[in-house]
Amino acid sequence: AKNTIYLQMNSLKPEDTAVYYCNV
């Protein structure tokens, strides 16, 4: 309905550090 996706990120680690991109 909102034309939106989400990414819930828990228990984050230093190796998760990055630029996050949405892609179609």
mmCIF file of all heavy atoms, coordinates in Angstrom:
data_MODEL
# 
_entry.id   MODEL 
# 
loop_
_atom_site.group_PDB 
_atom_site.id 
_atom_site.type_symbol 
_atom_site.label_atom_id 
_atom_site.label_alt_id 
_atom_site.label_comp_id 
_atom_site.label_asym_id 
_atom_site.label_entity_id 
_atom_site.label_seq_id 
_atom_site.pdbx_PDB_ins_code 
_atom_site.Cartn_x 
_atom_site.Cartn_y 
_atom_site.Cartn_z 
_atom_site.occupancy 
_atom_site.B_iso_or_equiv 
_atom_site.pdbx_formal_charge 
_atom_site.auth_seq_id 
_atom_site.auth_comp_id 
_atom_site.auth_asym_id 
_atom_site.auth_atom_id 
_atom_site.pdbx_PDB_model_num 
ATOM 1   N N   . ALA A 1 1  ? 0.820  -1.204  0.000   1.00 0.00 ? 1  ALA A N   1 
ATOM 2   C CA  . ALA A 1 1  ? 0.000  0.000   0.000   1.00 0.00 ? 1  ALA A CA  1 
ATOM 3   C C   . ALA A 1 1  ? 0.856  1.256   0.000   1.00 0.00 ? 1  ALA A C   1 
ATOM 4   O O   . ALA A 1 1  ? 0.449  2.294   -0.529  1.00 0.00 ? 1  ALA A O   1 
ATOM 5   C CB  . ALA A 1 1  ? -0.946 0.000   1.193   1.00 0.00 ? 1  ALA A CB  1 
ATOM 6   N N   . LYS A 1 2  ? 2.033  1.175   0.603   1.00 0.00 ? 2  LYS A N   1 
ATOM 7   C CA  . LYS A 1 2  ? 2.948  2.311   0.660   1.00 0.00 ? 2  LYS A CA  1 
ATOM 8   C C   . LYS A 1 2  ? 4.062  2.226   -0.371  1.00 0.00 ? 2  LYS A C   1 
ATOM 9   O O   . LYS A 1 2  ? 4.911  3.120   -0.424  1.00 0.00 ? 2  LYS A O   1 
ATOM 10  C CB  . LYS A 1 2  ? 3.561  2.425   2.053   1.00 0.00 ? 2  LYS A CB  1 
ATOM 11  C CG  . LYS A 1 2  ? 2.568  2.735   3.154   1.00 0.00 ? 2  LYS A CG  1 
ATOM 12  C CD  . LYS A 1 2  ? 3.274  2.881   4.491   1.00 0.00 ? 2  LYS A CD  1 
ATOM 13  C CE  . LYS A 1 2  ? 2.307  3.254   5.587   1.00 0.00 ? 2  LYS A CE  1 
ATOM 14  N NZ  . LYS A 1 2  ? 2.991  3.406   6.896   1.00 0.00 ? 2  LYS A NZ  1 
ATOM 15  N N   . ASN A 1 3  ? 4.074  1.162   -1.165  1.00 0.00 ? 3  ASN A N   1 
ATOM 16  C CA  . ASN A 1 3  ? 5.129  0.944   -2.157  1.00 0.00 ? 3  ASN A CA  1 
ATOM 17  C C   . ASN A 1 3  ? 6.509  1.017   -1.511  1.00 0.00 ? 3  ASN A C   1 
ATOM 18  O O   . ASN A 1 3  ? 7.433  1.639   -2.044  1.00 0.00 ? 3  ASN A O   1 
ATOM 19  C CB  . ASN A 1 3  ? 5.018  1.962   -3.292  1.00 0.00 ? 3  ASN A CB  1 
ATOM 20  C CG  . ASN A 1 3  ? 3.665  1.948   -3.946  1.00 0.00 ? 3  ASN A CG  1 
ATOM 21  O OD1 . ASN A 1 3  ? 3.164  0.890   -4.318  1.00 0.00 ? 3  ASN A OD1 1 
ATOM 22  N ND2 . ASN A 1 3  ? 3.058  3.116   -4.092  1.00 0.00 ? 3  ASN A ND2 1 
ATOM 23  N N   . THR A 1 4  ? 6.631  0.363   -0.378  1.00 0.00 ? 4  THR A N   1 
ATOM 24  C CA  . THR A 1 4  ? 7.824  0.466   0.441   1.00 0.00 ? 4  THR A CA  1 
ATOM 25  C C   . THR A 1 4  ? 8.269  -0.904  0.925   1.00 0.00 ? 4  THR A C   1 
ATOM 26  O O   . THR A 1 4  ? 7.432  -1.739  1.268   1.00 0.00 ? 4  THR A O   1 
ATOM 27  C CB  . THR A 1 4  ? 7.569  1.384   1.650   1.00 0.00 ? 4  THR A CB  1 
ATOM 28  O OG1 . THR A 1 4  ? 7.202  2.687   1.188   1.00 0.00 ? 4  THR A OG1 1 
ATOM 29  C CG2 . THR A 1 4  ? 8.803  1.495   2.525   1.00 0.00 ? 4  THR A CG2 1 
ATOM 30  N N   . ILE A 1 5  ? 9.581  -1.117  0.948   1.00 0.00 ? 5  ILE A N   1 
ATOM 31  C CA  . ILE A 1 5  ? 10.142 -2.293  1.598   1.00 0.00 ? 5  ILE A CA  1 
ATOM 32  C C   . ILE A 1 5  ? 11.002 -1.841  2.764   1.00 0.00 ? 5  ILE A C   1 
ATOM 33  O O   . ILE A 1 5  ? 11.467 -0.705  2.809   1.00 0.00 ? 5  ILE A O   1 
ATOM 34  C CB  . ILE A 1 5  ? 10.962 -3.185  0.642   1.00 0.00 ? 5  ILE A CB  1 
ATOM 35  C CG1 . ILE A 1 5  ? 12.201 -2.450  0.120   1.00 0.00 ? 5  ILE A CG1 1 
ATOM 36  C CG2 . ILE A 1 5  ? 10.094 -3.690  -0.493  1.00 0.00 ? 5  ILE A CG2 1 
ATOM 37  C CD1 . ILE A 1 5  ? 13.191 -3.377  -0.561  1.00 0.00 ? 5  ILE A CD1 1 
ATOM 38  N N   . TYR A 1 6  ? 11.217 -2.771  3.692   1.00 0.00 ? 6  TYR A N   1 
ATOM 39  C CA  . TYR A 1 6  ? 11.955 -2.476  4.906   1.00 0.00 ? 6  TYR A CA  1 
ATOM 40  C C   . TYR A 1 6  ? 13.012 -3.539  5.141   1.00 0.00 ? 6  TYR A C   1 
ATOM 41  O O   . TYR A 1 6  ? 12.907 -4.670  4.676   1.00 0.00 ? 6  TYR A O   1 
ATOM 42  C CB  . TYR A 1 6  ? 11.018 -2.431  6.112   1.00 0.00 ? 6  TYR A CB  1 
ATOM 43  C CG  . TYR A 1 6  ? 9.857  -1.484  5.952   1.00 0.00 ? 6  TYR A CG  1 
ATOM 44  C CD1 . TYR A 1 6  ? 8.639  -1.920  5.436   1.00 0.00 ? 6  TYR A CD1 1 
ATOM 45  C CD2 . TYR A 1 6  ? 9.973  -0.148  6.318   1.00 0.00 ? 6  TYR A CD2 1 
ATOM 46  C CE1 . TYR A 1 6  ? 7.574  -1.057  5.281   1.00 0.00 ? 6  TYR A CE1 1 
ATOM 47  C CE2 . TYR A 1 6  ? 8.914  0.722   6.169   1.00 0.00 ? 6  TYR A CE2 1 
ATOM 48  C CZ  . TYR A 1 6  ? 7.717  0.267   5.650   1.00 0.00 ? 6  TYR A CZ  1 
ATOM 49  O OH  . TYR A 1 6  ? 6.664  1.136   5.502   1.00 0.00 ? 6  TYR A OH  1 
ATOM 50  N N   . LEU A 1 7  ? 14.016 -3.165  5.881   1.00 0.00 ? 7  LEU A N   1 
ATOM 51  C CA  . LEU A 1 7  ? 15.013 -4.109  6.353   1.00 0.00 ? 7  LEU A CA  1 
ATOM 52  C C   . LEU A 1 7  ? 15.241 -3.839  7.835   1.00 0.00 ? 7  LEU A C   1 
ATOM 53  O O   . LEU A 1 7  ? 15.870 -2.843  8.198   1.00 0.00 ? 7  LEU A O   1 
ATOM 54  C CB  . LEU A 1 7  ? 16.324 -3.986  5.579   1.00 0.00 ? 7  LEU A CB  1 
ATOM 55  C CG  . LEU A 1 7  ? 17.373 -5.052  5.887   1.00 0.00 ? 7  LEU A CG  1 
ATOM 56  C CD1 . LEU A 1 7  ? 16.898 -6.419  5.392   1.00 0.00 ? 7  LEU A CD1 1 
ATOM 57  C CD2 . LEU A 1 7  ? 18.710 -4.703  5.258   1.00 0.00 ? 7  LEU A CD2 1 
ATOM 58  N N   . GLN A 1 8  ? 14.692 -4.711  8.671   1.00 0.00 ? 8  GLN A N   1 
ATOM 59  C CA  . GLN A 1 8  ? 14.910 -4.634  10.104  1.00 0.00 ? 8  GLN A CA  1 
ATOM 60  C C   . GLN A 1 8  ? 16.209 -5.353  10.429  1.00 0.00 ? 8  GLN A C   1 
ATOM 61  O O   . GLN A 1 8  ? 16.338 -6.545  10.154  1.00 0.00 ? 8  GLN A O   1 
ATOM 62  C CB  . GLN A 1 8  ? 13.745 -5.271  10.862  1.00 0.00 ? 8  GLN A CB  1 
ATOM 63  C CG  . GLN A 1 8  ? 13.913 -5.273  12.374  1.00 0.00 ? 8  GLN A CG  1 
ATOM 64  C CD  . GLN A 1 8  ? 13.883 -3.890  12.963  1.00 0.00 ? 8  GLN A CD  1 
ATOM 65  O OE1 . GLN A 1 8  ? 13.029 -3.078  12.608  1.00 0.00 ? 8  GLN A OE1 1 
ATOM 66  N NE2 . GLN A 1 8  ? 14.816 -3.593  13.855  1.00 0.00 ? 8  GLN A NE2 1 
ATOM 67  N N   . MET A 1 9  ? 17.152 -4.652  11.013  1.00 0.00 ? 9  MET A N   1 
ATOM 68  C CA  . MET A 1 9  ? 18.471 -5.184  11.296  1.00 0.00 ? 9  MET A CA  1 
ATOM 69  C C   . MET A 1 9  ? 18.676 -5.208  12.805  1.00 0.00 ? 9  MET A C   1 
ATOM 70  O O   . MET A 1 9  ? 18.706 -4.160  13.447  1.00 0.00 ? 9  MET A O   1 
ATOM 71  C CB  . MET A 1 9  ? 19.555 -4.349  10.619  1.00 0.00 ? 9  MET A CB  1 
ATOM 72  C CG  . MET A 1 9  ? 19.359 -4.183  9.116   1.00 0.00 ? 9  MET A CG  1 
ATOM 73  S SD  . MET A 1 9  ? 20.727 -3.303  8.317   1.00 0.00 ? 9  MET A SD  1 
ATOM 74  C CE  . MET A 1 9  ? 20.536 -1.686  9.090   1.00 0.00 ? 9  MET A CE  1 
ATOM 75  N N   . ASN A 1 10 ? 18.815 -6.404  13.345  1.00 0.00 ? 10 ASN A N   1 
ATOM 76  C CA  . ASN A 1 10 ? 19.044 -6.601  14.768  1.00 0.00 ? 10 ASN A CA  1 
ATOM 77  C C   . ASN A 1 10 ? 20.401 -7.236  14.996  1.00 0.00 ? 10 ASN A C   1 
ATOM 78  O O   . ASN A 1 10 ? 21.001 -7.802  14.085  1.00 0.00 ? 10 ASN A O   1 
ATOM 79  C CB  . ASN A 1 10 ? 17.955 -7.483  15.371  1.00 0.00 ? 10 ASN A CB  1 
ATOM 80  C CG  . ASN A 1 10 ? 16.571 -6.899  15.247  1.00 0.00 ? 10 ASN A CG  1 
ATOM 81  O OD1 . ASN A 1 10 ? 16.386 -5.685  15.343  1.00 0.00 ? 10 ASN A OD1 1 
ATOM 82  N ND2 . ASN A 1 10 ? 15.580 -7.765  15.060  1.00 0.00 ? 10 ASN A ND2 1 
ATOM 83  N N   . SER A 1 11 ? 20.869 -7.166  16.225  1.00 0.00 ? 11 SER A N   1 
ATOM 84  C CA  . SER A 1 11 ? 22.158 -7.754  16.605  1.00 0.00 ? 11 SER A CA  1 
ATOM 85  C C   . SER A 1 11 ? 23.256 -7.353  15.634  1.00 0.00 ? 11 SER A C   1 
ATOM 86  O O   . SER A 1 11 ? 24.028 -8.182  15.147  1.00 0.00 ? 11 SER A O   1 
ATOM 87  C CB  . SER A 1 11 ? 22.036 -9.279  16.679  1.00 0.00 ? 11 SER A CB  1 
ATOM 88  O OG  . SER A 1 11 ? 21.045 -9.667  17.605  1.00 0.00 ? 11 SER A OG  1 
ATOM 89  N N   . LEU A 1 12 ? 23.330 -6.080  15.356  1.00 0.00 ? 12 LEU A N   1 
ATOM 90  C CA  . LEU A 1 12 ? 24.273 -5.586  14.360  1.00 0.00 ? 12 LEU A CA  1 
ATOM 91  C C   . LEU A 1 12 ? 25.716 -5.815  14.795  1.00 0.00 ? 12 LEU A C   1 
ATOM 92  O O   . LEU A 1 12 ? 26.055 -5.721  15.972  1.00 0.00 ? 12 LEU A O   1 
ATOM 93  C CB  . LEU A 1 12 ? 24.027 -4.111  14.093  1.00 0.00 ? 12 LEU A CB  1 
ATOM 94  C CG  . LEU A 1 12 ? 22.816 -3.827  13.200  1.00 0.00 ? 12 LEU A CG  1 
ATOM 95  C CD1 . LEU A 1 12 ? 22.388 -2.372  13.320  1.00 0.00 ? 12 LEU A CD1 1 
ATOM 96  C CD2 . LEU A 1 12 ? 23.140 -4.173  11.750  1.00 0.00 ? 12 LEU A CD2 1 
ATOM 97  N N   . LYS A 1 13 ? 26.549 -6.110  13.806  1.00 0.00 ? 13 LYS A N   1 
ATOM 98  C CA  . LYS A 1 13 ? 27.963 -6.361  13.997  1.00 0.00 ? 13 LYS A CA  1 
ATOM 99  C C   . LYS A 1 13 ? 28.772 -5.337  13.213  1.00 0.00 ? 13 LYS A C   1 
ATOM 100 O O   . LYS A 1 13 ? 28.288 -4.785  12.228  1.00 0.00 ? 13 LYS A O   1 
ATOM 101 C CB  . LYS A 1 13 ? 28.327 -7.766  13.509  1.00 0.00 ? 13 LYS A CB  1 
ATOM 102 C CG  . LYS A 1 13 ? 27.517 -8.887  14.131  1.00 0.00 ? 13 LYS A CG  1 
ATOM 103 C CD  . LYS A 1 13 ? 27.860 -10.220 13.476  1.00 0.00 ? 13 LYS A CD  1 
ATOM 104 C CE  . LYS A 1 13 ? 27.041 -11.353 14.063  1.00 0.00 ? 13 LYS A CE  1 
ATOM 105 N NZ  . LYS A 1 13 ? 27.370 -12.647 13.406  1.00 0.00 ? 13 LYS A NZ  1 
ATOM 106 N N   . PRO A 1 14 ? 30.017 -5.090  13.614  1.00 0.00 ? 14 PRO A N   1 
ATOM 107 C CA  . PRO A 1 14 ? 30.851 -4.161  12.851  1.00 0.00 ? 14 PRO A CA  1 
ATOM 108 C C   . PRO A 1 14 ? 30.965 -4.533  11.374  1.00 0.00 ? 14 PRO A C   1 
ATOM 109 O O   . PRO A 1 14 ? 31.046 -3.633  10.529  1.00 0.00 ? 14 PRO A O   1 
ATOM 110 C CB  . PRO A 1 14 ? 32.211 -4.245  13.556  1.00 0.00 ? 14 PRO A CB  1 
ATOM 111 C CG  . PRO A 1 14 ? 31.860 -4.580  14.964  1.00 0.00 ? 14 PRO A CG  1 
ATOM 112 C CD  . PRO A 1 14 ? 30.688 -5.511  14.862  1.00 0.00 ? 14 PRO A CD  1 
ATOM 113 N N   . GLU A 1 15 ? 30.959 -5.815  11.055  1.00 0.00 ? 15 GLU A N   1 
ATOM 114 C CA  . GLU A 1 15 ? 31.049 -6.234  9.668   1.00 0.00 ? 15 GLU A CA  1 
ATOM 115 C C   . GLU A 1 15 ? 29.798 -5.925  8.856   1.00 0.00 ? 15 GLU A C   1 
ATOM 116 O O   . GLU A 1 15 ? 29.792 -6.095  7.636   1.00 0.00 ? 15 GLU A O   1 
ATOM 117 C CB  . GLU A 1 15 ? 31.387 -7.733  9.563   1.00 0.00 ? 15 GLU A CB  1 
ATOM 118 C CG  . GLU A 1 15 ? 30.500 -8.623  10.410  1.00 0.00 ? 15 GLU A CG  1 
ATOM 119 C CD  . GLU A 1 15 ? 31.137 -8.994  11.742  1.00 0.00 ? 15 GLU A CD  1 
ATOM 120 O OE1 . GLU A 1 15 ? 31.671 -8.082  12.404  1.00 0.00 ? 15 GLU A OE1 1 
ATOM 121 O OE2 . GLU A 1 15 ? 31.110 -10.182 12.105  1.00 0.00 ? 15 GLU A OE2 1 
ATOM 122 N N   . ASP A 1 16 ? 28.729 -5.477  9.501   1.00 0.00 ? 16 ASP A N   1 
ATOM 123 C CA  . ASP A 1 16 ? 27.547 -5.014  8.792   1.00 0.00 ? 16 ASP A CA  1 
ATOM 124 C C   . ASP A 1 16 ? 27.711 -3.593  8.276   1.00 0.00 ? 16 ASP A C   1 
ATOM 125 O O   . ASP A 1 16 ? 26.847 -3.107  7.536   1.00 0.00 ? 16 ASP A O   1 
ATOM 126 C CB  . ASP A 1 16 ? 26.313 -5.081  9.690   1.00 0.00 ? 16 ASP A CB  1 
ATOM 127 C CG  . ASP A 1 16 ? 25.952 -6.499  10.094  1.00 0.00 ? 16 ASP A CG  1 
ATOM 128 O OD1 . ASP A 1 16 ? 26.026 -7.404  9.236   1.00 0.00 ? 16 ASP A OD1 1 
ATOM 129 O OD2 . ASP A 1 16 ? 25.580 -6.695  11.270  1.00 0.00 ? 16 ASP A OD2 1 
ATOM 130 N N   . THR A 1 17 ? 28.775 -2.923  8.664   1.00 0.00 ? 17 THR A N   1 
ATOM 131 C CA  . THR A 1 17 ? 29.013 -1.558  8.224   1.00 0.00 ? 17 THR A CA  1 
ATOM 132 C C   . THR A 1 17 ? 29.145 -1.507  6.710   1.00 0.00 ? 17 THR A C   1 
ATOM 133 O O   . THR A 1 17 ? 29.966 -2.205  6.125   1.00 0.00 ? 17 THR A O   1 
ATOM 134 C CB  . THR A 1 17 ? 30.273 -0.993  8.881   1.00 0.00 ? 17 THR A CB  1 
ATOM 135 O OG1 . THR A 1 17 ? 30.076 -0.899  10.293  1.00 0.00 ? 17 THR A OG1 1 
ATOM 136 C CG2 . THR A 1 17 ? 30.603 0.386   8.336   1.00 0.00 ? 17 THR A CG2 1 
ATOM 137 N N   . ALA A 1 18 ? 28.321 -0.686  6.075   1.00 0.00 ? 18 ALA A N   1 
ATOM 138 C CA  . ALA A 1 18 ? 28.300 -0.593  4.618   1.00 0.00 ? 18 ALA A CA  1 
ATOM 139 C C   . ALA A 1 18 ? 27.291 0.467   4.210   1.00 0.00 ? 18 ALA A C   1 
ATOM 140 O O   . ALA A 1 18 ? 26.509 0.953   5.026   1.00 0.00 ? 18 ALA A O   1 
ATOM 141 C CB  . ALA A 1 18 ? 27.920 -1.940  3.985   1.00 0.00 ? 18 ALA A CB  1 
ATOM 142 N N   . VAL A 1 19 ? 27.313 0.807   2.932   1.00 0.00 ? 19 VAL A N   1 
ATOM 143 C CA  . VAL A 1 19 ? 26.218 1.559   2.337   1.00 0.00 ? 19 VAL A CA  1 
ATOM 144 C C   . VAL A 1 19 ? 25.187 0.550   1.855   1.00 0.00 ? 19 VAL A C   1 
ATOM 145 O O   . VAL A 1 19 ? 25.521 -0.379  1.114   1.00 0.00 ? 19 VAL A O   1 
ATOM 146 C CB  . VAL A 1 19 ? 26.692 2.445   1.176   1.00 0.00 ? 19 VAL A CB  1 
ATOM 147 C CG1 . VAL A 1 19 ? 25.504 3.168   0.543   1.00 0.00 ? 19 VAL A CG1 1 
ATOM 148 C CG2 . VAL A 1 19 ? 27.726 3.451   1.662   1.00 0.00 ? 19 VAL A CG2 1 
ATOM 149 N N   . TYR A 1 20 ? 23.959 0.729   2.274   1.00 0.00 ? 20 TYR A N   1 
ATOM 150 C CA  . TYR A 1 20 ? 22.882 -0.180  1.920   1.00 0.00 ? 20 TYR A CA  1 
ATOM 151 C C   . TYR A 1 20 ? 22.050 0.420   0.798   1.00 0.00 ? 20 TYR A C   1 
ATOM 152 O O   . TYR A 1 20 ? 21.633 1.579   0.873   1.00 0.00 ? 20 TYR A O   1 
ATOM 153 C CB  . TYR A 1 20 ? 22.011 -0.486  3.137   1.00 0.00 ? 20 TYR A CB  1 
ATOM 154 C CG  . TYR A 1 20 ? 22.655 -1.459  4.089   1.00 0.00 ? 20 TYR A CG  1 
ATOM 155 C CD1 . TYR A 1 20 ? 23.748 -1.069  4.857   1.00 0.00 ? 20 TYR A CD1 1 
ATOM 156 C CD2 . TYR A 1 20 ? 22.196 -2.770  4.206   1.00 0.00 ? 20 TYR A CD2 1 
ATOM 157 C CE1 . TYR A 1 20 ? 24.369 -1.963  5.720   1.00 0.00 ? 20 TYR A CE1 1 
ATOM 158 C CE2 . TYR A 1 20 ? 22.805 -3.664  5.069   1.00 0.00 ? 20 TYR A CE2 1 
ATOM 159 C CZ  . TYR A 1 20 ? 23.894 -3.257  5.819   1.00 0.00 ? 20 TYR A CZ  1 
ATOM 160 O OH  . TYR A 1 20 ? 24.498 -4.153  6.673   1.00 0.00 ? 20 TYR A OH  1 
ATOM 161 N N   . TYR A 1 21 ? 21.812 -0.387  -0.237  1.00 0.00 ? 21 TYR A N   1 
ATOM 162 C CA  . TYR A 1 21 ? 21.108 0.062   -1.432  1.00 0.00 ? 21 TYR A CA  1 
ATOM 163 C C   . TYR A 1 21 ? 19.841 -0.753  -1.657  1.00 0.00 ? 21 TYR A C   1 
ATOM 164 O O   . TYR A 1 21 ? 19.846 -1.976  -1.515  1.00 0.00 ? 21 TYR A O   1 
ATOM 165 C CB  . TYR A 1 21 ? 21.981 -0.096  -2.675  1.00 0.00 ? 21 TYR A CB  1 
ATOM 166 C CG  . TYR A 1 21 ? 23.230 0.746   -2.688  1.00 0.00 ? 21 TYR A CG  1 
ATOM 167 C CD1 . TYR A 1 21 ? 24.431 0.240   -2.216  1.00 0.00 ? 21 TYR A CD1 1 
ATOM 168 C CD2 . TYR A 1 21 ? 23.212 2.040   -3.192  1.00 0.00 ? 21 TYR A CD2 1 
ATOM 169 C CE1 . TYR A 1 21 ? 25.586 1.001   -2.239  1.00 0.00 ? 21 TYR A CE1 1 
ATOM 170 C CE2 . TYR A 1 21 ? 24.364 2.804   -3.222  1.00 0.00 ? 21 TYR A CE2 1 
ATOM 171 C CZ  . TYR A 1 21 ? 25.542 2.283   -2.746  1.00 0.00 ? 21 TYR A CZ  1 
ATOM 172 O OH  . TYR A 1 21 ? 26.693 3.040   -2.778  1.00 0.00 ? 21 TYR A OH  1 
ATOM 173 N N   . CYS A 1 22 ? 18.797 -0.086  -2.046  1.00 0.00 ? 22 CYS A N   1 
ATOM 174 C CA  . CYS A 1 22 ? 17.583 -0.723  -2.525  1.00 0.00 ? 22 CYS A CA  1 
ATOM 175 C C   . CYS A 1 22 ? 17.704 -0.943  -4.029  1.00 0.00 ? 22 CYS A C   1 
ATOM 176 O O   . CYS A 1 22 ? 18.255 -0.095  -4.745  1.00 0.00 ? 22 CYS A O   1 
ATOM 177 C CB  . CYS A 1 22 ? 16.385 0.168   -2.202  1.00 0.00 ? 22 CYS A CB  1 
ATOM 178 S SG  . CYS A 1 22 ? 14.778 -0.535  -2.579  1.00 0.00 ? 22 CYS A SG  1 
ATOM 179 N N   . ASN A 1 23 ? 17.207 -2.077  -4.512  1.00 0.00 ? 23 ASN A N   1 
ATOM 180 C CA  . ASN A 1 23 ? 17.369 -2.439  -5.914  1.00 0.00 ? 23 ASN A CA  1 
ATOM 181 C C   . ASN A 1 23 ? 16.103 -3.067  -6.472  1.00 0.00 ? 23 ASN A C   1 
ATOM 182 O O   . ASN A 1 23 ? 15.474 -3.906  -5.828  1.00 0.00 ? 23 ASN A O   1 
ATOM 183 C CB  . ASN A 1 23 ? 18.544 -3.416  -6.066  1.00 0.00 ? 23 ASN A CB  1 
ATOM 184 C CG  . ASN A 1 23 ? 18.585 -4.094  -7.420  1.00 0.00 ? 23 ASN A CG  1 
ATOM 185 O OD1 . ASN A 1 23 ? 18.373 -5.300  -7.531  1.00 0.00 ? 23 ASN A OD1 1 
ATOM 186 N ND2 . ASN A 1 23 ? 18.876 -3.319  -8.460  1.00 0.00 ? 23 ASN A ND2 1 
ATOM 187 N N   . VAL A 1 24 ? 15.741 -2.662  -7.675  1.00 0.00 ? 24 VAL A N   1 
ATOM 188 C CA  . VAL A 1 24 ? 14.702 -3.311  -8.467  1.00 0.00 ? 24 VAL A CA  1 
ATOM 189 C C   . VAL A 1 24 ? 15.379 -3.877  -9.703  1.00 0.00 ? 24 VAL A C   1 
ATOM 190 O O   . VAL A 1 24 ? 15.814 -3.117  -10.570 1.00 0.00 ? 24 VAL A O   1 
ATOM 191 C CB  . VAL A 1 24 ? 13.580 -2.338  -8.858  1.00 0.00 ? 24 VAL A CB  1 
ATOM 192 C CG1 . VAL A 1 24 ? 12.611 -3.004  -9.835  1.00 0.00 ? 24 VAL A CG1 1 
ATOM 193 C CG2 . VAL A 1 24 ? 12.829 -1.859  -7.627  1.00 0.00 ? 24 VAL A CG2 1 
# 
